[in-house]
Protein backbone atom coordinates (compact mmCIF):
# COMPACT_ATOMS: atom_id res chain seq x y z
CA MET A 1 -5.11 11.82 0.43
CA SER A 2 -8.35 10.55 1.86
CA GLN A 3 -9.67 11.01 -1.74
CA PHE A 4 -7.72 7.70 -3.08
CA LYS A 5 -9.25 4.57 -2.24
CA TYR A 6 -6.27 2.25 -2.66
CA ARG A 7 -5.99 -1.22 -1.30
CA VAL A 8 -3.91 -2.82 1.19
CA ASN A 9 -3.14 -6.35 2.30
CA ILE A 10 -1.62 -7.13 6.22
CA VAL A 11 -0.79 -10.16 7.27
CA TRP A 12 0.67 -11.64 10.35
CA SER A 13 4.76 -13.34 9.58
CA ASP A 14 5.75 -15.82 12.40
CA VAL A 15 9.35 -15.48 10.48
CA ASP A 16 9.55 -12.13 11.07
CA GLN A 17 7.08 -11.80 13.90
CA SER A 18 5.23 -8.49 13.02
CA TYR A 19 2.86 -7.55 10.12
CA LEU A 20 3.40 -7.10 6.72
CA VAL A 21 1.71 -4.91 4.07
CA GLU A 22 1.68 -4.76 0.48
CA LEU A 23 0.09 -1.75 -1.66
CA PRO A 24 -0.58 -4.36 -4.53
CA GLU A 25 -2.27 -1.65 -7.00
CA PHE A 26 1.24 -0.03 -7.32
CA ALA A 27 3.41 -3.08 -8.24
CA THR A 28 4.80 -3.69 -11.55
CA GLU A 29 6.27 -6.22 -13.48
CA ILE A 30 9.42 -5.33 -11.51
CA GLN A 31 8.65 -3.41 -8.34
CA ARG A 32 6.01 -4.30 -5.44
CA TYR A 33 5.84 -2.04 -2.45
CA PHE A 34 5.56 -3.40 1.10
CA THR A 35 6.06 -1.91 4.73
CA ASP A 36 5.57 -3.42 8.01
CA GLY A 37 4.69 -2.79 11.70
CA GLU A 38 4.96 -4.50 15.09
CA THR A 39 1.77 -4.20 15.74
CA TYR A 40 -1.72 -4.25 12.80
CA GLU A 41 -1.89 -0.42 13.71
CA ALA A 42 1.63 0.43 13.12
CA ALA A 43 1.49 -1.93 10.07
CA LEU A 44 -1.31 0.03 8.76
CA LYS A 45 0.30 3.90 9.43
CA ASN A 46 2.94 2.86 7.27
CA ALA A 47 1.38 1.93 4.87
CA GLN A 48 -0.86 5.11 4.82
CA GLU A 49 3.11 6.75 4.78
CA VAL A 50 4.26 4.83 1.53
CA LEU A 51 0.98 5.70 0.15
CA GLU A 52 1.40 9.00 0.75
CA LEU A 53 5.18 8.68 -0.82
CA LEU A 54 4.46 6.97 -3.94
CA VAL A 55 0.94 9.63 -4.78
CA GLU A 56 3.37 12.06 -3.96
CA SER A 57 6.00 10.87 -6.55
CA TYR A 58 3.93 9.78 -9.09
CA GLN A 59 2.55 13.48 -9.58
CA ALA A 60 6.33 14.98 -8.97
CA GLU A 61 6.56 12.62 -12.03
CA GLY A 62 3.95 13.10 -14.14
CA GLN A 63 3.19 9.33 -14.08
CA THR A 64 -0.53 8.54 -14.18
CA LEU A 65 -1.42 6.95 -10.77
CA PRO A 66 -3.00 3.30 -10.97
CA GLN A 67 -6.41 2.90 -10.84
CA PRO A 68 -8.28 1.35 -7.12
CA GLN A 69 -9.47 -1.86 -7.48
CA THR A 70 -13.01 -1.93 -5.70
CA LEU A 71 -14.87 -4.58 -4.44
CA GLN A 72 -18.28 -5.21 -6.64
CA VAL A 73 -20.92 -7.14 -4.66
CA ALA A 74 -23.71 -8.87 -6.64
């Protein structure tokens, strides 16, 4: 799994009292993927698990994986 460099966005939610995580590269017009965690570490661990499941699902269905977005610094 370490060969994949997908982005995860982690933000604190006062409303939910937890960290919310989005996996933006896998978002489509009709679906976005989220997870959460009570701590930052738990949220990151949950994001890793969801990412692994998404990659496995894409590969099992013969779908092309989304291109990871990378930061270009000049």
